[in-house]
Amino acid sequence: MMEVLKVHLHNLYEIFFFFKIFCLYIDLVLNAQLKRYARFLATHKQALRRIEDALGSNITQTWDYDLNPVELKV
C-alpha cells in the first residue's frame, strides 16, 4: 500500500512540476506578446500624433472662394 502511495505521490509531483513549467512558459509568452502589442500601440500613437500635428493648422482653414473660385469635387 505504501509503495502504491509513493508512486502516486511521485506522479503528482511530476505533474505539478510540469504544470509549473508550463505556467512559467505561458507567462513568458504572454509577457512577450504584451510588450510587442504595447510597442505597436506606441508606434501607432506616434504616427497618429504626427498626422494630427501636420493637419492641425490646416483643419481650421476653409475654402476661400474669393481667392480660388475653382472647387474640387471629390
N, C-alpha and C. Protein backbone atom coordinates (compact mmCIF):
# COMPACT_ATOMS: atom_id res chain seq x y z
N MET A 1 0.82 -1.20 0.00
CA MET A 1 0.00 0.00 0.00
C MET A 1 0.86 1.26 0.00
N MET A 2 1.91 1.26 0.80
CA MET A 2 2.81 2.42 0.88
C MET A 2 3.54 2.62 -0.44
N GLU A 3 3.88 1.50 -1.07
CA GLU A 3 4.58 1.60 -2.35
C GLU A 3 3.70 2.25 -3.41
N VAL A 4 2.43 1.91 -3.42
CA VAL A 4 1.48 2.49 -4.37
C VAL A 4 1.31 3.98 -4.08
N LEU A 5 1.24 4.31 -2.80
CA LEU A 5 1.11 5.72 -2.40
C LEU A 5 2.34 6.52 -2.82
N LYS A 6 3.53 5.95 -2.68
CA LYS A 6 4.75 6.62 -3.10
C LYS A 6 4.76 6.86 -4.61
N VAL A 7 4.29 5.89 -5.37
CA VAL A 7 4.23 6.02 -6.83
C VAL A 7 3.26 7.14 -7.20
N HIS A 8 2.11 7.18 -6.54
CA HIS A 8 1.12 8.22 -6.83
C HIS A 8 1.65 9.60 -6.44
N LEU A 9 2.32 9.69 -5.32
CA LEU A 9 2.90 10.96 -4.89
C LEU A 9 3.98 11.42 -5.87
N HIS A 10 4.77 10.47 -6.34
CA HIS A 10 5.80 10.80 -7.31
C HIS A 10 5.16 11.29 -8.62
N ASN A 11 4.09 10.64 -9.05
CA ASN A 11 3.39 11.06 -10.26
C ASN A 11 2.77 12.45 -10.08
N LEU A 12 2.20 12.69 -8.91
CA LEU A 12 1.64 14.01 -8.63
C LEU A 12 2.72 15.08 -8.63
N TYR A 13 3.88 14.75 -8.09
CA TYR A 13 4.98 15.70 -8.09
C TYR A 13 5.41 16.01 -9.52
N GLU A 14 5.51 14.98 -10.36
CA GLU A 14 5.88 15.21 -11.76
C GLU A 14 4.84 16.06 -12.48
N ILE A 15 3.57 15.76 -12.24
CA ILE A 15 2.51 16.55 -12.86
C ILE A 15 2.60 18.00 -12.40
N PHE A 16 2.79 18.22 -11.12
CA PHE A 16 2.92 19.58 -10.60
C PHE A 16 4.13 20.29 -11.18
N PHE A 17 5.24 19.59 -11.28
CA PHE A 17 6.47 20.17 -11.83
C PHE A 17 6.26 20.61 -13.27
N PHE A 18 5.67 19.74 -14.10
CA PHE A 18 5.44 20.10 -15.50
C PHE A 18 4.39 21.20 -15.63
N PHE A 19 3.39 21.17 -14.76
CA PHE A 19 2.38 22.22 -14.78
C PHE A 19 3.01 23.57 -14.43
N LYS A 20 3.91 23.57 -13.47
CA LYS A 20 4.58 24.81 -13.09
C LYS A 20 5.46 25.33 -14.23
N ILE A 21 6.18 24.45 -14.90
CA ILE A 21 7.00 24.85 -16.05
C ILE A 21 6.10 25.39 -17.16
N PHE A 22 4.97 24.72 -17.39
CA PHE A 22 4.03 25.17 -18.41
C PHE A 22 3.50 26.57 -18.08
N CYS A 23 3.16 26.81 -16.83
CA CYS A 23 2.67 28.13 -16.41
C CYS A 23 3.74 29.20 -16.59
N LEU A 24 4.97 28.88 -16.28
CA LEU A 24 6.06 29.84 -16.49
C LEU A 24 6.24 30.14 -17.97
N TYR A 25 6.13 29.11 -18.80
CA TYR A 25 6.25 29.29 -20.24
C TYR A 25 5.12 30.17 -20.76
N ILE A 26 3.89 29.91 -20.33
CA ILE A 26 2.75 30.71 -20.75
C ILE A 26 2.93 32.16 -20.29
N ASP A 27 3.42 32.34 -19.09
CA ASP A 27 3.67 33.70 -18.58
C ASP A 27 4.70 34.43 -19.43
N LEU A 28 5.76 33.74 -19.82
CA LEU A 28 6.78 34.36 -20.68
C LEU A 28 6.21 34.74 -22.04
N VAL A 29 5.42 33.84 -22.61
CA VAL A 29 4.82 34.10 -23.93
C VAL A 29 3.86 35.28 -23.85
N LEU A 30 3.01 35.29 -22.83
CA LEU A 30 2.04 36.38 -22.69
C LEU A 30 2.74 37.72 -22.46
N ASN A 31 3.78 37.73 -21.66
CA ASN A 31 4.51 38.97 -21.43
C ASN A 31 5.18 39.47 -22.70
N ALA A 32 5.73 38.55 -23.48
CA ALA A 32 6.35 38.94 -24.74
C ALA A 32 5.32 39.52 -25.69
N GLN A 33 4.15 38.89 -25.79
CA GLN A 33 3.09 39.40 -26.65
C GLN A 33 2.60 40.76 -26.17
N LEU A 34 2.48 40.92 -24.86
CA LEU A 34 2.04 42.19 -24.30
C LEU A 34 3.04 43.30 -24.61
N LYS A 35 4.32 43.01 -24.52
CA LYS A 35 5.35 44.01 -24.85
C LYS A 35 5.30 44.38 -26.33
N ARG A 36 5.10 43.38 -27.20
CA ARG A 36 5.01 43.66 -28.64
C ARG A 36 3.79 44.51 -28.94
N TYR A 37 2.67 44.22 -28.29
CA TYR A 37 1.45 44.99 -28.51
C TYR A 37 1.62 46.42 -28.00
N ALA A 38 2.25 46.59 -26.84
CA ALA A 38 2.50 47.93 -26.30
C ALA A 38 3.42 48.72 -27.23
N ARG A 39 4.43 48.07 -27.79
CA ARG A 39 5.34 48.73 -28.74
C ARG A 39 4.58 49.13 -30.01
N PHE A 40 3.70 48.26 -30.49
CA PHE A 40 2.87 48.57 -31.66
C PHE A 40 1.98 49.78 -31.38
N LEU A 41 1.34 49.79 -30.22
CA LEU A 41 0.46 50.91 -29.88
C LEU A 41 1.24 52.22 -29.76
N ALA A 42 2.42 52.17 -29.19
CA ALA A 42 3.23 53.39 -29.06
C ALA A 42 3.63 53.91 -30.44
N THR A 43 4.01 53.01 -31.35
CA THR A 43 4.37 53.43 -32.70
C THR A 43 3.17 54.00 -33.44
N HIS A 44 2.03 53.35 -33.29
CA HIS A 44 0.81 53.83 -33.94
C HIS A 44 0.39 55.18 -33.37
N LYS A 45 0.54 55.35 -32.08
CA LYS A 45 0.20 56.62 -31.44
C LYS A 45 1.09 57.74 -31.97
N GLN A 46 2.37 57.46 -32.12
CA GLN A 46 3.29 58.47 -32.66
C GLN A 46 2.92 58.84 -34.09
N ALA A 47 2.57 57.84 -34.89
CA ALA A 47 2.19 58.12 -36.28
C ALA A 47 0.92 58.97 -36.33
N LEU A 48 -0.06 58.64 -35.50
CA LEU A 48 -1.27 59.44 -35.45
C LEU A 48 -1.00 60.86 -34.96
N ARG A 49 -0.10 60.98 -34.00
CA ARG A 49 0.25 62.31 -33.48
C ARG A 49 0.91 63.15 -34.57
N ARG A 50 1.80 62.54 -35.38
CA ARG A 50 2.43 63.28 -36.48
C ARG A 50 1.40 63.72 -37.51
N ILE A 51 0.44 62.85 -37.82
CA ILE A 51 -0.61 63.22 -38.76
C ILE A 51 -1.45 64.36 -38.19
N GLU A 52 -1.79 64.25 -36.92
CA GLU A 52 -2.58 65.29 -36.27
C GLU A 52 -1.84 66.62 -36.27
N ASP A 53 -0.55 66.60 -35.98
CA ASP A 53 0.25 67.84 -35.97
C ASP A 53 0.35 68.43 -37.37
N ALA A 54 0.48 67.55 -38.38
CA ALA A 54 0.59 68.04 -39.75
C ALA A 54 -0.72 68.68 -40.22
N LEU A 55 -1.83 68.13 -39.80
CA LEU A 55 -3.13 68.65 -40.21
C LEU A 55 -3.68 69.71 -39.27
N GLY A 56 -3.09 69.83 -38.11
CA GLY A 56 -3.62 70.71 -37.07
C GLY A 56 -3.86 72.13 -37.53
N SER A 57 -2.93 72.74 -38.21
CA SER A 57 -3.09 74.13 -38.62
C SER A 57 -4.02 74.25 -39.82
N ASN A 58 -4.16 73.20 -40.61
CA ASN A 58 -4.98 73.26 -41.81
C ASN A 58 -6.44 72.91 -41.57
N ILE A 59 -6.74 72.32 -40.43
CA ILE A 59 -8.11 71.87 -40.18
C ILE A 59 -9.06 73.06 -40.07
N THR A 60 -8.60 74.15 -39.48
CA THR A 60 -9.50 75.30 -39.28
C THR A 60 -9.61 76.18 -40.51
N GLN A 61 -8.75 75.97 -41.49
CA GLN A 61 -8.82 76.78 -42.70
C GLN A 61 -9.98 76.30 -43.58
N THR A 62 -10.74 77.26 -44.11
CA THR A 62 -11.84 76.92 -45.00
C THR A 62 -11.51 77.39 -46.41
N TRP A 63 -12.29 76.93 -47.34
CA TRP A 63 -12.07 77.29 -48.73
C TRP A 63 -12.44 78.76 -48.92
N ASP A 64 -11.52 79.54 -49.46
CA ASP A 64 -11.79 80.96 -49.73
C ASP A 64 -12.18 81.11 -51.19
N TYR A 65 -13.45 81.30 -51.42
CA TYR A 65 -13.99 81.34 -52.79
C TYR A 65 -13.48 82.56 -53.54
N ASP A 66 -13.20 83.65 -52.82
CA ASP A 66 -12.71 84.87 -53.49
C ASP A 66 -11.30 84.68 -54.03
N LEU A 67 -10.47 83.94 -53.29
CA LEU A 67 -9.09 83.73 -53.73
C LEU A 67 -8.97 82.63 -54.78
N ASN A 68 -9.80 81.62 -54.69
CA ASN A 68 -9.74 80.49 -55.61
C ASN A 68 -11.15 80.01 -55.88
N PRO A 69 -11.78 80.50 -56.96
CA PRO A 69 -13.17 80.14 -57.20
C PRO A 69 -13.39 78.73 -57.71
N VAL A 70 -12.33 78.03 -58.07
CA VAL A 70 -12.47 76.66 -58.57
C VAL A 70 -12.61 75.72 -57.39
N GLU A 71 -13.63 74.89 -57.43
CA GLU A 71 -13.88 73.93 -56.33
C GLU A 71 -13.64 72.53 -56.84
N LEU A 72 -12.91 71.77 -56.10
CA LEU A 72 -12.61 70.40 -56.48
C LEU A 72 -13.71 69.47 -55.95
N LYS A 73 -14.35 68.77 -56.84
CA LYS A 73 -15.40 67.82 -56.46
C LYS A 73 -14.77 66.45 -56.31
N VAL A 74 -14.88 65.90 -55.15
CA VAL A 74 -14.28 64.58 -54.87
C VAL A 74 -15.37 63.58 -54.64
